[in-house]
C-alpha cells in the first residue's frame, strides 16, 4: 500500500459487508453522492498533507490497472465509464513505455 494512503484509509469508515456501501456518511448512514465523496477525499488529502486531488488519485488508479495488464473493459467497469474511449483518456503513458513499445517492433 502507498504510504500516503494509510492515513487516508484510517480516516474513512470502511465496511466489508456486500450489502453495505464501501464508504458511508456518518450523518445519514448511507452512501455519499459523488460530489460529497470528492470533497471528503480532497479534505482528507489536505489534512494528511498530501498534495494531490481525488481526480489525480482516480487517474493513478486507472493507470496502475492498465500498467498491470488488467483488461481495458474491466478498467472501464471499475471506473464506471460508459465509453472505453473515455477510460483510455485517463491512462497516463510514460516515455519509457513508448520507447519499449517501439523497441518491440
N, C-alpha and C. Protein backbone atom coordinates (compact mmCIF):
# COMPACT_ATOMS: atom_id res chain seq x y z
N UNK A 1 0.85 -1.18 0.00
CA UNK A 1 0.00 0.00 0.00
C UNK A 1 0.89 1.24 0.00
N UNK A 2 0.48 2.27 -0.74
CA UNK A 2 1.23 3.52 -0.77
C UNK A 2 1.23 4.15 0.62
N UNK A 3 2.35 4.76 0.98
CA UNK A 3 2.47 5.38 2.30
C UNK A 3 1.43 6.45 2.52
N UNK A 4 1.17 7.28 1.49
CA UNK A 4 0.22 8.37 1.68
C UNK A 4 -1.20 7.86 1.88
N UNK A 5 -1.50 6.64 1.46
CA UNK A 5 -2.86 6.12 1.56
C UNK A 5 -3.21 5.66 2.98
N UNK A 6 -2.22 5.33 3.80
CA UNK A 6 -2.50 4.80 5.12
C UNK A 6 -3.32 5.74 5.99
N UNK A 7 -2.94 7.04 6.15
CA UNK A 7 -3.78 7.91 6.99
C UNK A 7 -5.15 8.16 6.37
N UNK A 8 -5.22 8.10 5.07
CA UNK A 8 -6.49 8.31 4.38
C UNK A 8 -7.44 7.16 4.68
N UNK A 9 -6.94 5.94 4.55
CA UNK A 9 -7.79 4.78 4.80
C UNK A 9 -8.22 4.69 6.26
N UNK A 10 -7.35 5.08 7.18
CA UNK A 10 -7.72 5.07 8.60
C UNK A 10 -8.83 6.08 8.89
N UNK A 11 -8.91 7.14 8.10
CA UNK A 11 -9.88 8.20 8.35
C UNK A 11 -11.26 7.89 7.79
N UNK A 12 -11.38 6.87 6.95
CA UNK A 12 -12.65 6.56 6.31
C UNK A 12 -13.35 5.39 6.99
N UNK A 13 -14.67 5.49 7.18
CA UNK A 13 -15.41 4.33 7.70
C UNK A 13 -15.60 3.31 6.57
N UNK A 14 -14.87 2.20 6.61
CA UNK A 14 -14.91 1.22 5.53
C UNK A 14 -15.63 -0.03 6.02
N UNK A 15 -16.46 -0.59 5.16
CA UNK A 15 -17.25 -1.76 5.50
C UNK A 15 -16.95 -2.87 4.51
N UNK A 16 -17.05 -4.11 4.95
CA UNK A 16 -16.76 -5.23 4.08
C UNK A 16 -18.01 -6.02 3.70
N UNK A 17 -19.11 -5.77 4.36
CA UNK A 17 -20.34 -6.49 4.05
C UNK A 17 -20.82 -6.10 2.65
N UNK A 18 -21.16 -7.09 1.84
CA UNK A 18 -21.51 -6.85 0.44
C UNK A 18 -22.73 -5.96 0.26
N UNK A 19 -23.65 -5.93 1.23
CA UNK A 19 -24.88 -5.16 1.08
C UNK A 19 -24.71 -3.70 1.50
N UNK A 20 -23.62 -3.38 2.15
CA UNK A 20 -23.40 -2.01 2.62
C UNK A 20 -22.53 -1.25 1.63
N UNK A 21 -22.69 0.07 1.59
CA UNK A 21 -21.77 0.85 0.76
C UNK A 21 -20.36 0.71 1.30
N UNK A 22 -19.37 0.78 0.41
CA UNK A 22 -17.98 0.69 0.84
C UNK A 22 -17.67 1.80 1.84
N UNK A 23 -18.16 3.00 1.56
CA UNK A 23 -17.96 4.15 2.44
C UNK A 23 -19.32 4.79 2.63
N UNK A 24 -19.70 5.04 3.87
CA UNK A 24 -20.99 5.67 4.10
C UNK A 24 -20.82 6.92 4.95
N UNK A 25 -21.77 7.83 4.80
CA UNK A 25 -21.70 9.06 5.58
C UNK A 25 -22.01 8.76 7.04
N UNK A 26 -21.41 9.52 7.93
CA UNK A 26 -21.66 9.31 9.35
C UNK A 26 -22.97 9.95 9.79
N UNK A 27 -23.41 11.00 9.08
CA UNK A 27 -24.65 11.67 9.44
C UNK A 27 -25.88 10.86 9.04
N UNK A 28 -25.92 10.48 7.77
CA UNK A 28 -27.13 9.83 7.25
C UNK A 28 -27.03 8.31 7.16
N UNK A 29 -25.84 7.75 7.39
CA UNK A 29 -25.62 6.31 7.32
C UNK A 29 -26.05 5.72 5.97
N UNK A 30 -25.75 6.45 4.91
CA UNK A 30 -25.99 5.94 3.56
C UNK A 30 -24.83 6.37 2.68
N UNK A 31 -24.85 5.95 1.42
CA UNK A 31 -23.71 6.24 0.56
C UNK A 31 -23.58 7.73 0.29
N UNK A 32 -22.37 8.15 -0.03
CA UNK A 32 -22.10 9.53 -0.38
C UNK A 32 -22.52 9.80 -1.81
N UNK A 33 -22.88 11.04 -2.11
CA UNK A 33 -23.02 11.44 -3.50
C UNK A 33 -21.60 11.56 -4.04
N UNK A 34 -21.45 11.55 -5.35
CA UNK A 34 -20.10 11.65 -5.92
C UNK A 34 -19.45 12.97 -5.54
N UNK A 35 -20.22 14.05 -5.52
CA UNK A 35 -19.65 15.35 -5.14
C UNK A 35 -19.21 15.37 -3.68
N UNK A 36 -20.01 14.81 -2.80
CA UNK A 36 -19.65 14.76 -1.38
C UNK A 36 -18.39 13.94 -1.17
N UNK A 37 -18.28 12.83 -1.89
CA UNK A 37 -17.11 11.97 -1.75
C UNK A 37 -15.85 12.67 -2.25
N UNK A 38 -15.95 13.39 -3.36
CA UNK A 38 -14.81 14.14 -3.89
C UNK A 38 -14.36 15.18 -2.86
N UNK A 39 -15.32 15.91 -2.28
CA UNK A 39 -14.98 16.91 -1.27
C UNK A 39 -14.33 16.27 -0.05
N UNK A 40 -14.86 15.13 0.39
CA UNK A 40 -14.31 14.43 1.55
C UNK A 40 -12.88 13.98 1.27
N UNK A 41 -12.66 13.34 0.15
CA UNK A 41 -11.32 12.84 -0.18
C UNK A 41 -10.34 14.00 -0.29
N UNK A 42 -10.74 15.09 -0.91
CA UNK A 42 -9.84 16.24 -1.01
C UNK A 42 -9.51 16.83 0.36
N UNK A 43 -10.50 16.86 1.27
CA UNK A 43 -10.23 17.35 2.64
C UNK A 43 -9.28 16.41 3.37
N UNK A 44 -9.46 15.11 3.17
CA UNK A 44 -8.57 14.13 3.82
C UNK A 44 -7.15 14.28 3.29
N UNK A 45 -7.01 14.45 1.99
CA UNK A 45 -5.68 14.67 1.41
C UNK A 45 -5.03 15.89 2.04
N UNK A 46 -5.78 16.97 2.13
CA UNK A 46 -5.24 18.21 2.69
C UNK A 46 -4.83 18.01 4.14
N UNK A 47 -5.69 17.36 4.93
CA UNK A 47 -5.39 17.12 6.35
C UNK A 47 -4.18 16.22 6.53
N UNK A 48 -3.98 15.28 5.58
CA UNK A 48 -2.85 14.36 5.67
C UNK A 48 -1.58 14.98 5.09
N UNK A 49 -1.69 16.20 4.55
CA UNK A 49 -0.52 16.85 3.96
C UNK A 49 -0.14 16.28 2.62
N UNK A 50 -1.09 15.67 1.93
CA UNK A 50 -0.83 15.08 0.62
C UNK A 50 -1.25 16.08 -0.44
N UNK A 51 -0.31 16.43 -1.31
CA UNK A 51 -0.57 17.42 -2.34
C UNK A 51 -1.07 16.74 -3.61
N UNK A 52 -2.35 16.38 -3.61
CA UNK A 52 -2.96 15.75 -4.78
C UNK A 52 -4.47 15.99 -4.70
N UNK A 53 -5.20 15.37 -5.60
CA UNK A 53 -6.66 15.53 -5.63
C UNK A 53 -7.31 14.17 -5.86
N UNK A 54 -8.61 14.12 -5.66
CA UNK A 54 -9.34 12.88 -5.90
C UNK A 54 -9.27 12.50 -7.38
N UNK A 55 -9.25 13.51 -8.25
CA UNK A 55 -9.17 13.22 -9.68
C UNK A 55 -7.81 12.61 -10.03
N UNK A 56 -6.74 13.15 -9.46
CA UNK A 56 -5.40 12.60 -9.70
C UNK A 56 -5.33 11.17 -9.17
N UNK A 57 -5.97 10.90 -8.02
CA UNK A 57 -5.98 9.56 -7.46
C UNK A 57 -6.72 8.61 -8.40
N UNK A 58 -7.83 9.08 -8.96
CA UNK A 58 -8.61 8.27 -9.89
C UNK A 58 -7.79 7.94 -11.14
N UNK A 59 -7.11 8.95 -11.69
CA UNK A 59 -6.25 8.73 -12.87
C UNK A 59 -5.15 7.73 -12.56
N UNK A 60 -4.54 7.86 -11.37
CA UNK A 60 -3.45 6.95 -10.99
C UNK A 60 -3.96 5.53 -10.83
N UNK A 61 -5.14 5.37 -10.24
CA UNK A 61 -5.76 4.05 -10.07
C UNK A 61 -5.95 3.39 -11.43
N UNK A 62 -6.52 4.13 -12.36
CA UNK A 62 -6.79 3.59 -13.70
C UNK A 62 -5.48 3.27 -14.42
N UNK A 63 -4.49 4.15 -14.31
CA UNK A 63 -3.19 3.92 -14.93
C UNK A 63 -2.51 2.69 -14.34
N UNK A 64 -2.57 2.54 -13.01
CA UNK A 64 -1.96 1.37 -12.36
C UNK A 64 -2.60 0.07 -12.83
N UNK A 65 -3.91 0.07 -12.99
CA UNK A 65 -4.59 -1.13 -13.50
C UNK A 65 -4.10 -1.45 -14.91
N UNK A 66 -4.01 -0.44 -15.76
CA UNK A 66 -3.55 -0.65 -17.14
C UNK A 66 -2.11 -1.15 -17.16
N UNK A 67 -1.25 -0.57 -16.32
CA UNK A 67 0.15 -0.99 -16.26
C UNK A 67 0.32 -2.41 -15.76
N UNK A 68 -0.69 -2.92 -15.07
CA UNK A 68 -0.65 -4.30 -14.57
C UNK A 68 -1.47 -5.24 -15.45
N UNK A 69 -1.67 -4.84 -16.70
CA UNK A 69 -2.30 -5.67 -17.74
C UNK A 69 -3.74 -6.09 -17.42
N UNK A 70 -4.47 -5.25 -16.69
CA UNK A 70 -5.88 -5.53 -16.46
C UNK A 70 -6.64 -5.23 -17.75
N UNK A 71 -7.58 -6.08 -18.07
CA UNK A 71 -8.37 -5.93 -19.28
C UNK A 71 -9.01 -4.54 -19.32
N UNK A 72 -8.88 -3.81 -20.43
CA UNK A 72 -9.45 -2.46 -20.52
C UNK A 72 -10.95 -2.39 -20.22
N UNK A 73 -11.70 -3.43 -20.58
CA UNK A 73 -13.14 -3.42 -20.28
C UNK A 73 -13.39 -3.52 -18.77
N UNK A 74 -12.53 -4.24 -18.07
CA UNK A 74 -12.64 -4.33 -16.61
C UNK A 74 -12.35 -2.96 -16.00
N UNK A 75 -11.31 -2.31 -16.51
CA UNK A 75 -10.98 -0.97 -16.03
C UNK A 75 -12.15 -0.02 -16.28
N UNK A 76 -12.75 -0.12 -17.46
CA UNK A 76 -13.91 0.73 -17.79
C UNK A 76 -15.02 0.53 -16.78
N UNK A 77 -15.31 -0.72 -16.45
CA UNK A 77 -16.38 -1.01 -15.48
C UNK A 77 -16.02 -0.47 -14.09
N UNK A 78 -14.78 -0.67 -13.66
CA UNK A 78 -14.36 -0.17 -12.35
C UNK A 78 -14.42 1.35 -12.28
N UNK A 79 -14.11 2.00 -13.40
CA UNK A 79 -14.14 3.47 -13.44
C UNK A 79 -15.56 4.00 -13.64
N UNK A 80 -16.49 3.09 -13.94
CA UNK A 80 -17.88 3.47 -14.19
C UNK A 80 -18.00 4.43 -15.37
N UNK A 81 -17.19 4.17 -16.41
CA UNK A 81 -17.26 4.97 -17.63
C UNK A 81 -18.19 4.29 -18.63
N UNK A 82 -18.98 5.07 -19.33
CA UNK A 82 -19.87 4.50 -20.34
C UNK A 82 -19.12 4.17 -21.62
N UNK A 83 -17.98 4.79 -21.83
CA UNK A 83 -17.23 4.61 -23.07
C UNK A 83 -15.80 4.16 -22.77
N UNK A 84 -15.33 3.17 -23.51
CA UNK A 84 -13.95 2.73 -23.38
C UNK A 84 -12.99 3.84 -23.81
N UNK A 85 -13.40 4.65 -24.77
CA UNK A 85 -12.57 5.79 -25.20
C UNK A 85 -12.34 6.76 -24.03
N UNK A 86 -13.36 6.98 -23.24
CA UNK A 86 -13.22 7.86 -22.08
C UNK A 86 -12.21 7.28 -21.09
N UNK A 87 -12.30 5.99 -20.86
CA UNK A 87 -11.36 5.32 -19.95
C UNK A 87 -9.93 5.45 -20.46
N UNK A 88 -9.74 5.28 -21.76
CA UNK A 88 -8.40 5.34 -22.33
C UNK A 88 -7.77 6.72 -22.14
N UNK A 89 -8.58 7.76 -22.10
CA UNK A 89 -8.04 9.12 -21.88
C UNK A 89 -7.47 9.29 -20.47
N UNK A 90 -7.92 8.46 -19.54
CA UNK A 90 -7.44 8.54 -18.16
C UNK A 90 -6.08 7.88 -17.97
N UNK A 91 -5.68 7.02 -18.89
CA UNK A 91 -4.45 6.24 -18.72
C UNK A 91 -3.26 7.09 -19.15
N UNK A 92 -2.35 7.32 -18.21
CA UNK A 92 -1.13 8.06 -18.50
C UNK A 92 -0.09 7.12 -19.10
N UNK A 93 0.62 7.60 -20.12
CA UNK A 93 1.66 6.82 -20.78
C UNK A 93 2.98 7.54 -20.59
N UNK A 94 3.97 6.80 -20.06
CA UNK A 94 5.29 7.38 -19.83
C UNK A 94 6.17 7.21 -21.06
N UNK A 95 7.20 8.03 -21.15
CA UNK A 95 8.15 7.97 -22.28
C UNK A 95 8.83 6.61 -22.37
N UNK A 96 9.20 6.03 -21.23
CA UNK A 96 9.87 4.73 -21.25
C UNK A 96 8.94 3.64 -21.80
N UNK A 97 7.64 3.77 -21.59
CA UNK A 97 6.69 2.81 -22.14
C UNK A 97 6.62 2.95 -23.66
N UNK A 98 6.67 4.19 -24.13
CA UNK A 98 6.65 4.41 -25.59
C UNK A 98 7.90 3.83 -26.22
N UNK A 99 9.08 4.08 -25.60
CA UNK A 99 10.33 3.53 -26.13
C UNK A 99 10.30 2.01 -26.16
N UNK A 100 9.82 1.40 -25.09
CA UNK A 100 9.76 -0.06 -25.01
C UNK A 100 8.84 -0.62 -26.09
N UNK A 101 7.75 0.06 -26.37
CA UNK A 101 6.83 -0.40 -27.41
C UNK A 101 7.48 -0.35 -28.79
N UNK A 102 8.23 0.71 -29.05
CA UNK A 102 8.90 0.85 -30.34
C UNK A 102 10.01 -0.21 -30.47
N UNK A 103 10.72 -0.48 -29.39
CA UNK A 103 11.79 -1.46 -29.42
C UNK A 103 11.28 -2.88 -29.66
N UNK A 104 10.02 -3.12 -29.39
CA UNK A 104 9.43 -4.45 -29.61
C UNK A 104 9.24 -4.75 -31.09
N UNK A 105 9.22 -3.71 -31.91
CA UNK A 105 8.94 -3.88 -33.35
C UNK A 105 10.16 -4.32 -34.08
